[in-house]
Amino acid sequence: MAEILPFEPPGAPSARRWTIGVLVSSDCARLSAALVAASGQGLATRPEVGEGITAEVPHETTAWFTRLADAAGTVPPAEMAESLSALRAQLADHVGAIVDALLSQAGVPPSRILAIGVQDPGLWMGCGHWHAGYLALCDPARLAELTGMNIIDAFPARDLACGGQGGPLTAVAEWVFLRHAHRNRLVLDLGRTTRLTWLPRATRGQGLPHLLAFDVGPGTRLLDLLTERLTGGEQAFDPGGRLAVQGHRIDRLIEHWLADPYFRRSPPRWHPRGVRPERFLVDALRMAVEAGWSVRDLLCTATHFIAEAVALAIQRRLPEDARIDEIVLTGGGQHNGMLLREIAAKMPGVPVTRTSELGIATEALGPACVGLLAMFHLDQVPGNPPEVTGTEVSRVLGRLTPGSPQSWQRLLAEMTGSKPAVRPLRSAL
């Protein structure tokens, strides 16, 4: 079921630039897309999130992705090439369909759109090593033919080429969307993996501040797996944390989980598939059998564990003088009442806000950040701070595939009038 967000009437006069951001979930099971309209350029741009829409990826395509992601490097080359070609074409068709649906429901003509930004889970090889590689899965040439629009994709590839880990790549975009002149904001993405982004207040004329973004630890996927086990597969998640609240907290298990070497690693700390919950679940089930703990106890304890991991990350990884003025929640876990209560208890006195209260619907922030990454590409704004991705140097991210001749000419005219955010020293002399 699509979720539609209100936006200004399409006939309203505006000098703003428009892009579309499309985000494919890390398991290739869900698509989300959003319109982004912005005035200004570079880091000084003032963006707004317009219409948003979500859709499920057909099971056949998700199954193709799962097979390829799990079997990378073990499938014969000919079979791998055939499967990969089919997946890339299917994914481009699905992205094209959601873009058409978005524009139709928003009443926005395609001619208003400068580019479509696409971020998909991709195929990763040798992640975290010098030979790391990323292959985007949505075929940009096919998508450009389907829509007639310019496509900007493959954002992680340039970061990897510069020695980075390929993500997270939305920290700068989140800062532009959520920055505040007087407040330091902490964004908590309570998704399948819990992720933290530190957004210092936006001081006028200061430029981009020192951002932080990293994976905290497992998220709602751990809770979902326990819920499925508790209900015999009848429930895929614990609505509102109602099952977890019936259990008891097991301090011994929380201490065991927090002793995992993962939590001693300093940022940059990120993985394209997130933090796999299985590494925490296998030991827990074995300990539960030995100690006689119930699955409800495990679910309750896992909820406390996620909150404890957040508190530990804040204590250990934020700057010593960091003052958190506001916590901004995103992701499906924000609807888990018990989890929110435990997080709030760890941060007494700090107001907690949802992105929807800031004018951005939950499902729209991710794709909107991708749309803004596309604008960064056009404005020549580097999008990968070294402290976030571990890159040796910040670079302009993305790969540009021209759309129709008319769309390409409009984009060339737009880019001709823009100035790079960062100028080489030799050009300034």
Protein backbone atom coordinates (compact mmCIF):
# COMPACT_ATOMS: atom_id res chain seq x y z
CA MET A 1 0.00 0.00 0.00
CA ALA A 2 1.48 3.33 -1.03
CA GLU A 3 1.87 6.12 1.48
CA ILE A 4 1.31 9.59 0.04
CA LEU A 5 2.62 12.76 1.61
CA PRO A 6 1.18 16.21 0.96
CA PHE A 7 3.10 18.60 -1.26
CA GLU A 8 2.54 21.98 -2.84
CA PRO A 9 0.31 22.25 -5.94
CA PRO A 10 2.36 21.35 -9.02
CA GLY A 11 1.34 24.55 -10.79
CA ALA A 12 2.85 26.82 -8.14
CA PRO A 13 5.59 29.07 -9.52
CA SER A 14 9.03 28.05 -8.30
CA ALA A 15 12.70 28.38 -9.20
CA ARG A 16 13.45 25.28 -7.21
CA ARG A 17 15.16 22.20 -8.57
CA TRP A 18 13.53 18.82 -8.33
CA THR A 19 14.93 15.32 -8.03
CA ILE A 20 13.49 11.93 -7.16
CA GLY A 21 15.20 9.63 -4.68
CA VAL A 22 14.60 5.87 -4.80
CA LEU A 23 15.82 3.58 -2.02
CA VAL A 24 15.79 -0.21 -2.30
CA SER A 25 15.92 -1.94 1.10
CA SER A 26 19.01 -3.92 2.09
CA ASP A 27 17.15 -7.22 1.52
CA CYS A 28 15.75 -6.01 -1.82
CA ALA A 29 12.20 -6.55 -0.56
CA ARG A 30 10.90 -2.98 -0.46
CA LEU A 31 11.06 0.18 -2.56
CA SER A 32 10.52 3.72 -1.34
CA ALA A 33 10.62 6.89 -3.41
CA ALA A 34 10.25 10.58 -2.64
CA LEU A 35 10.25 13.90 -4.42
CA VAL A 36 12.80 16.48 -3.30
CA ALA A 37 12.52 20.16 -4.19
CA ALA A 38 15.31 22.55 -3.25
CA SER A 39 16.31 26.16 -3.64
CA GLY A 40 19.93 27.22 -3.39
CA GLN A 41 22.95 25.07 -4.11
CA GLY A 42 25.46 22.90 -2.34
CA LEU A 43 25.42 22.73 1.45
CA ALA A 44 23.44 25.97 1.50
CA THR A 45 20.53 24.36 -0.30
CA ARG A 46 17.13 24.49 1.39
CA PRO A 47 15.36 21.23 0.55
CA GLU A 48 11.79 20.10 1.07
CA VAL A 49 10.43 16.58 0.92
CA GLY A 50 7.38 16.26 -1.28
CA GLU A 51 5.31 13.28 -2.27
CA GLY A 52 6.45 9.89 -1.00
CA ILE A 53 5.44 6.37 -1.96
CA THR A 54 6.38 2.83 -0.95
CA ALA A 55 5.92 -0.54 -2.63
CA GLU A 56 6.89 -4.16 -2.14
CA VAL A 57 9.38 -5.70 -4.54
CA PRO A 58 7.87 -8.82 -6.17
CA HIS A 59 9.01 -12.01 -4.46
CA GLU A 60 10.66 -13.33 -7.62
CA THR A 61 13.04 -10.37 -7.78
CA THR A 62 13.83 -10.56 -4.07
CA ALA A 63 14.57 -14.27 -4.46
CA TRP A 64 16.95 -13.53 -7.35
CA PHE A 65 18.81 -11.05 -5.16
CA THR A 66 19.01 -13.43 -2.20
CA ARG A 67 20.46 -16.19 -4.34
CA LEU A 68 23.07 -13.92 -5.89
CA ALA A 69 24.04 -12.21 -2.63
CA ASP A 70 24.44 -15.52 -0.80
CA ALA A 71 26.22 -17.29 -3.64
CA ALA A 72 28.57 -14.52 -4.85
CA GLY A 73 31.87 -16.10 -5.87
CA THR A 74 30.55 -19.69 -5.87
CA VAL A 75 28.25 -19.63 -8.92
CA PRO A 76 29.74 -20.45 -12.37
CA PRO A 77 30.45 -17.23 -14.33
CA ALA A 78 27.97 -17.95 -17.12
CA GLU A 79 25.13 -18.64 -14.69
CA MET A 80 26.11 -15.63 -12.57
CA ALA A 81 26.04 -13.32 -15.60
CA GLU A 82 22.62 -14.57 -16.72
CA SER A 83 21.10 -14.24 -13.25
CA LEU A 84 22.64 -10.84 -12.70
CA SER A 85 21.37 -9.53 -16.02
CA ALA A 86 17.83 -10.69 -15.23
CA LEU A 87 17.92 -9.12 -11.75
CA ARG A 88 19.24 -5.77 -13.02
CA ALA A 89 16.52 -5.57 -15.66
CA GLN A 90 13.74 -6.54 -13.23
CA LEU A 91 14.86 -4.04 -10.63
CA ALA A 92 15.03 -1.23 -13.21
CA ASP A 93 11.46 -2.08 -14.26
CA HIS A 94 10.24 -1.93 -10.65
CA VAL A 95 12.02 1.37 -9.99
CA GLY A 96 10.58 2.82 -13.20
CA ALA A 97 7.08 1.75 -12.11
CA ILE A 98 7.33 3.40 -8.70
CA VAL A 99 8.69 6.60 -10.28
CA ASP A 100 5.74 6.69 -12.70
CA ALA A 101 3.30 6.11 -9.83
CA LEU A 102 4.93 8.83 -7.75
CA LEU A 103 4.77 11.45 -10.50
CA SER A 104 1.20 10.49 -11.40
CA GLN A 105 -0.07 10.81 -7.84
CA ALA A 106 1.87 14.03 -7.24
CA GLY A 107 0.70 15.54 -10.52
CA VAL A 108 4.26 16.51 -11.41
CA PRO A 109 5.39 16.30 -15.06
CA PRO A 110 8.62 14.37 -15.74
CA SER A 111 10.10 17.50 -17.32
CA ARG A 112 10.38 19.04 -13.84
CA ILE A 113 12.78 16.34 -12.66
CA LEU A 114 16.50 16.97 -13.13
CA ALA A 115 17.56 13.45 -12.14
CA ILE A 116 16.56 10.27 -10.35
CA GLY A 117 18.91 9.18 -7.57
CA VAL A 118 18.92 5.42 -6.94
CA GLN A 119 20.47 3.53 -4.04
CA ASP A 120 20.11 -0.25 -4.05
CA PRO A 121 21.73 -2.94 -1.89
CA GLY A 122 24.13 -3.93 -4.65
CA LEU A 123 26.53 -6.84 -4.66
CA TRP A 124 29.55 -6.38 -2.39
CA MET A 125 32.80 -8.27 -2.64
CA GLY A 126 35.70 -8.19 -0.21
CA CYS A 127 33.90 -5.57 1.93
CA GLY A 128 36.34 -3.90 4.33
CA HIS A 129 39.50 -4.82 2.40
CA TRP A 130 41.65 -3.11 -0.23
CA HIS A 131 39.99 -5.07 -3.02
CA ALA A 132 36.46 -4.22 -1.90
CA GLY A 133 34.02 -3.70 -4.74
CA TYR A 134 30.40 -2.68 -5.21
CA LEU A 135 28.15 -3.43 -8.16
CA ALA A 136 24.89 -1.50 -8.36
CA LEU A 137 21.97 -3.76 -9.27
CA CYS A 138 19.42 -1.43 -10.87
CA ASP A 139 20.36 -1.11 -14.56
CA PRO A 140 20.71 2.69 -15.04
CA ALA A 141 20.65 2.54 -18.86
CA ARG A 142 17.39 0.59 -18.85
CA LEU A 143 15.89 2.93 -16.23
CA ALA A 144 16.93 5.97 -18.28
CA GLU A 145 15.21 4.51 -21.34
CA LEU A 146 12.07 3.65 -19.39
CA THR A 147 11.68 7.08 -17.79
CA GLY A 148 13.55 9.41 -20.14
CA MET A 149 15.21 10.92 -17.06
CA ASN A 150 18.85 11.26 -16.03
CA ILE A 151 19.96 8.62 -13.51
CA ILE A 152 22.53 9.03 -10.73
CA ASP A 153 23.42 5.84 -8.90
CA ALA A 154 26.33 3.68 -7.60
CA PHE A 155 27.12 6.13 -4.78
CA PRO A 156 29.22 3.68 -2.70
CA ALA A 157 31.62 2.86 -5.55
CA ARG A 158 33.60 6.13 -5.39
CA ASP A 159 33.91 5.97 -1.62
CA LEU A 160 35.32 2.45 -1.87
CA ALA A 161 37.77 3.61 -4.53
CA CYS A 162 39.07 6.23 -2.09
CA GLY A 163 39.64 3.73 0.70
CA GLY A 164 36.27 4.10 2.43
CA GLN A 165 33.95 1.33 3.56
CA GLY A 166 31.16 2.38 1.18
CA GLY A 167 28.85 3.89 3.79
CA PRO A 168 26.93 5.16 5.56
CA LEU A 169 26.44 7.80 2.86
CA THR A 170 23.39 9.74 4.06
CA ALA A 171 24.97 11.65 6.98
CA VAL A 172 25.55 14.87 5.02
CA ALA A 173 22.07 14.71 3.49
CA GLU A 174 20.50 14.11 6.91
CA TRP A 175 22.37 17.12 8.28
CA VAL A 176 21.03 19.33 5.47
CA PHE A 177 17.47 18.08 6.04
CA LEU A 178 17.49 18.07 9.86
CA ARG A 179 20.08 20.70 10.85
CA HIS A 180 19.07 23.24 13.44
CA ALA A 181 20.66 26.59 14.20
CA HIS A 182 20.60 26.09 17.99
CA ARG A 183 20.25 22.35 18.65
CA ASN A 184 22.59 19.40 18.46
CA ARG A 185 20.50 16.53 17.15
CA LEU A 186 21.05 12.80 17.46
CA VAL A 187 19.26 10.75 14.81
CA LEU A 188 18.45 7.17 15.84
CA ASP A 189 17.42 4.91 13.00
CA LEU A 190 15.63 2.04 14.71
CA GLY A 191 15.56 -0.21 11.67
CA ARG A 192 16.73 -3.78 11.08
CA THR A 193 20.07 -2.45 12.34
CA THR A 194 20.23 0.41 14.85
CA ARG A 195 22.20 3.33 13.43
CA LEU A 196 23.25 6.60 15.07
CA THR A 197 23.96 9.91 13.31
CA TRP A 198 25.35 12.92 15.19
CA LEU A 199 24.22 16.26 13.71
CA PRO A 200 25.82 19.28 15.43
CA ARG A 201 23.98 22.59 15.26
CA ALA A 202 24.35 24.54 12.03
CA THR A 203 26.37 27.66 12.79
CA ARG A 204 26.00 30.30 10.08
CA GLY A 205 29.02 30.42 7.78
CA GLN A 206 30.71 27.48 9.46
CA GLY A 207 30.17 24.98 6.66
CA LEU A 208 29.88 21.26 7.28
CA PRO A 209 30.53 20.41 10.95
CA HIS A 210 32.15 17.23 12.27
CA LEU A 211 29.51 14.57 11.66
CA LEU A 212 29.38 11.03 12.98
CA ALA A 213 27.33 8.10 11.69
CA PHE A 214 27.77 4.41 12.43
CA ASP A 215 25.97 1.14 13.14
CA VAL A 216 25.22 0.85 16.86
CA GLY A 217 24.24 -2.82 16.85
CA PRO A 218 21.33 -5.13 16.01
CA GLY A 219 17.90 -3.58 15.70
CA THR A 220 14.35 -4.64 15.03
CA ARG A 221 15.40 -7.71 13.03
CA LEU A 222 16.54 -9.34 16.28
CA LEU A 223 13.16 -8.60 17.86
CA ASP A 224 11.34 -9.88 14.76
CA LEU A 225 13.19 -13.21 14.78
CA LEU A 226 12.34 -13.74 18.44
CA THR A 227 8.69 -12.78 17.83
CA GLU A 228 8.40 -15.27 15.00
CA ARG A 229 9.83 -17.98 17.25
CA LEU A 230 7.50 -17.07 20.12
CA THR A 231 4.35 -17.06 17.96
CA GLY A 232 5.27 -20.06 15.82
CA GLY A 233 5.55 -17.82 12.76
CA GLU A 234 2.08 -16.32 13.17
CA GLN A 235 3.47 -12.81 13.85
CA ALA A 236 6.34 -11.24 11.94
CA PHE A 237 6.93 -8.51 14.55
CA ASP A 238 5.96 -7.46 18.06
CA PRO A 239 3.41 -4.62 17.66
CA GLY A 240 4.13 -1.89 20.18
CA GLY A 241 6.36 -4.24 22.21
CA ARG A 242 3.28 -5.90 23.73
CA LEU A 243 4.87 -9.36 23.83
CA ALA A 244 8.22 -8.12 25.13
CA VAL A 245 6.65 -6.35 28.09
CA GLN A 246 5.30 -9.71 29.30
CA GLY A 247 8.83 -11.06 29.83
CA HIS A 248 11.59 -10.35 32.32
CA ARG A 249 14.94 -8.66 31.81
CA ILE A 250 17.92 -11.01 32.08
CA ASP A 251 20.97 -8.98 33.09
CA ARG A 252 23.34 -11.89 32.53
CA LEU A 253 22.32 -12.13 28.87
CA ILE A 254 22.65 -8.38 28.30
CA GLU A 255 26.17 -8.46 29.78
CA HIS A 256 27.00 -11.41 27.52
CA TRP A 257 25.76 -9.59 24.42
CA LEU A 258 27.52 -6.30 25.25
CA ALA A 259 30.80 -8.21 25.73
CA ASP A 260 30.80 -9.02 22.01
CA PRO A 261 33.97 -7.61 20.34
CA TYR A 262 31.76 -5.67 17.91
CA PHE A 263 30.99 -3.05 20.56
CA ARG A 264 34.68 -2.36 21.16
CA ARG A 265 35.26 -1.35 17.56
CA SER A 266 35.57 2.38 16.99
CA PRO A 267 33.83 4.13 14.08
CA PRO A 268 33.89 4.07 11.13
CA ARG A 269 31.65 1.09 11.80
CA TRP A 270 29.19 0.05 9.13
CA HIS A 271 28.29 -2.90 6.92
CA PRO A 272 26.11 -2.88 3.78
CA ARG A 273 23.91 -5.67 5.16
CA GLY A 274 23.80 -4.19 8.65
CA VAL A 275 24.52 -6.05 11.88
CA ARG A 276 23.36 -9.64 11.49
CA PRO A 277 21.27 -10.65 14.53
CA GLU A 278 22.14 -14.33 14.19
CA ARG A 279 25.46 -13.81 15.98
CA PHE A 280 23.52 -12.71 19.07
CA LEU A 281 20.59 -15.09 18.69
CA VAL A 282 22.41 -18.45 18.53
CA ASP A 283 24.19 -18.02 21.87
CA ALA A 284 21.05 -16.64 23.49
CA LEU A 285 18.94 -19.66 22.53
CA ARG A 286 21.57 -22.05 23.82
CA MET A 287 21.81 -20.16 27.13
CA ALA A 288 18.00 -20.03 27.35
CA VAL A 289 17.73 -23.81 27.10
CA GLU A 290 20.35 -24.29 29.82
CA ALA A 291 18.86 -21.67 32.17
CA GLY A 292 15.16 -22.25 31.43
CA TRP A 293 14.45 -18.77 30.09
CA SER A 294 11.29 -18.26 28.06
CA VAL A 295 11.18 -16.70 24.60
CA ARG A 296 9.21 -13.82 26.17
CA ASP A 297 12.15 -13.26 28.52
CA LEU A 298 14.51 -13.24 25.53
CA LEU A 299 12.30 -10.75 23.68
CA CYS A 300 12.09 -8.47 26.70
CA THR A 301 15.85 -8.69 27.25
CA ALA A 302 16.60 -8.02 23.59
CA THR A 303 14.55 -4.82 23.79
CA HIS A 304 16.54 -3.69 26.84
CA PHE A 305 19.76 -4.72 25.05
CA ILE A 306 19.08 -2.43 22.06
CA ALA A 307 18.50 0.51 24.42
CA GLU A 308 21.67 -0.36 26.38
CA ALA A 309 23.70 -0.52 23.16
CA VAL A 310 22.44 2.95 22.18
CA ALA A 311 23.41 4.38 25.58
CA LEU A 312 26.84 2.73 25.36
CA ALA A 313 27.45 4.16 21.88
CA ILE A 314 26.52 7.65 23.04
CA GLN A 315 28.78 7.39 26.06
CA ARG A 316 31.80 6.00 24.21
CA ARG A 317 31.62 7.38 20.68
CA LEU A 318 30.29 10.94 20.78
CA PRO A 319 32.68 13.85 21.44
CA GLU A 320 33.32 14.37 25.16
CA ASP A 321 31.81 17.87 25.09
CA ALA A 322 28.78 16.81 23.02
CA ARG A 323 25.48 18.01 24.41
CA ILE A 324 22.44 16.27 22.97
CA ASP A 325 19.57 18.74 22.69
CA GLU A 326 17.14 16.47 20.84
CA ILE A 327 16.82 12.86 19.72
CA VAL A 328 15.16 12.34 16.33
CA LEU A 329 13.71 8.88 15.71
CA THR A 330 13.26 7.12 12.41
CA GLY A 331 12.76 3.50 11.34
CA GLY A 332 10.12 0.94 12.23
CA GLY A 333 11.32 0.57 15.83
CA GLN A 334 9.93 4.00 16.69
CA HIS A 335 6.51 2.33 16.91
CA ASN A 336 7.71 -0.06 19.64
CA GLY A 337 6.51 1.62 22.82
CA MET A 338 8.64 -0.47 25.17
CA LEU A 339 11.82 0.22 23.19
CA LEU A 340 11.12 3.96 23.19
CA ARG A 341 10.53 3.98 26.93
CA GLU A 342 13.83 2.21 27.57
CA ILE A 343 15.76 4.59 25.29
CA ALA A 344 14.12 7.62 26.93
CA ALA A 345 15.04 6.25 30.36
CA LYS A 346 18.71 6.22 29.30
CA MET A 347 18.51 9.88 28.21
CA PRO A 348 16.44 11.65 30.89
CA GLY A 349 15.47 15.20 30.08
CA VAL A 350 16.32 14.96 26.38
CA PRO A 351 13.26 15.52 24.16
CA VAL A 352 12.48 12.75 21.67
CA THR A 353 11.00 13.66 18.28
CA ARG A 354 9.86 11.66 15.28
CA THR A 355 10.76 12.79 11.76
CA SER A 356 7.05 13.09 11.01
CA GLU A 357 6.87 15.86 13.61
CA LEU A 358 9.57 17.69 11.63
CA GLY A 359 7.58 17.48 8.40
CA ILE A 360 9.21 14.35 6.94
CA ALA A 361 7.25 11.09 7.00
CA THR A 362 9.09 8.03 8.29
CA GLU A 363 9.22 6.27 4.93
CA ALA A 364 10.29 9.42 3.09
CA LEU A 365 13.56 10.36 4.81
CA GLY A 366 15.65 7.53 3.30
CA PRO A 367 14.70 8.09 -0.35
CA ALA A 368 14.75 11.88 0.18
CA CYS A 369 18.39 11.61 1.28
CA VAL A 370 19.13 9.68 -1.93
CA GLY A 371 17.44 12.45 -3.93
CA LEU A 372 19.62 14.99 -2.14
CA LEU A 373 22.72 12.90 -2.88
CA ALA A 374 21.78 13.28 -6.55
CA MET A 375 21.70 17.06 -6.08
CA PHE A 376 25.07 16.93 -4.37
CA HIS A 377 26.41 15.18 -7.47
CA LEU A 378 25.08 17.97 -9.69
CA ASP A 379 26.49 20.67 -7.37
CA GLN A 380 29.85 18.87 -7.03
CA VAL A 381 29.48 18.50 -3.27
CA PRO A 382 31.51 15.68 -1.66
CA GLY A 383 29.21 13.36 0.28
CA ASN A 384 31.55 11.05 2.21
CA PRO A 385 33.27 12.69 5.21
CA PRO A 386 36.37 10.67 6.25
CA GLU A 387 35.18 10.47 9.86
CA VAL A 388 31.99 8.74 8.67
CA THR A 389 33.12 6.31 5.95
CA GLY A 390 36.85 6.07 6.65
CA THR A 391 37.73 7.36 3.18
CA GLU A 392 41.12 8.95 2.59
CA VAL A 393 39.53 11.97 0.92
CA SER A 394 35.99 13.23 0.33
CA ARG A 395 34.72 12.94 -3.23
CA VAL A 396 31.64 13.71 -5.29
CA LEU A 397 29.66 10.47 -5.25
CA GLY A 398 27.59 8.78 -7.91
CA ARG A 399 27.53 7.82 -11.58
CA LEU A 400 25.53 9.85 -14.08
CA THR A 401 23.64 8.15 -16.95
CA PRO A 402 21.95 10.59 -19.39
CA GLY A 403 18.25 10.28 -20.05
CA SER A 404 16.48 11.56 -23.16
CA PRO A 405 18.26 14.27 -25.21
CA GLN A 406 15.87 16.90 -23.83
CA SER A 407 16.40 15.81 -20.22
CA TRP A 408 20.16 15.70 -20.74
CA GLN A 409 20.23 19.21 -22.24
CA ARG A 410 18.25 20.60 -19.30
CA LEU A 411 20.67 19.00 -16.89
CA LEU A 412 23.72 20.32 -18.77
CA ALA A 413 22.26 23.83 -18.64
CA GLU A 414 21.68 23.46 -14.89
CA MET A 415 25.18 22.17 -14.21
CA THR A 416 26.80 24.87 -16.35
CA GLY A 417 25.47 27.51 -14.01
CA SER A 418 26.62 25.80 -10.81
CA LYS A 419 29.94 26.26 -9.05
CA PRO A 420 31.74 23.43 -7.24
CA ALA A 421 31.50 23.49 -3.45
CA VAL A 422 35.20 22.62 -3.17
CA ARG A 423 37.77 24.18 -5.52
CA PRO A 424 41.24 22.74 -6.11
CA LEU A 425 43.97 24.96 -4.74
CA ARG A 426 45.53 25.40 -8.19
CA SER A 427 42.28 26.82 -9.57
CA ALA A 428 42.15 29.41 -6.80
CA LEU A 429 45.61 30.80 -7.51
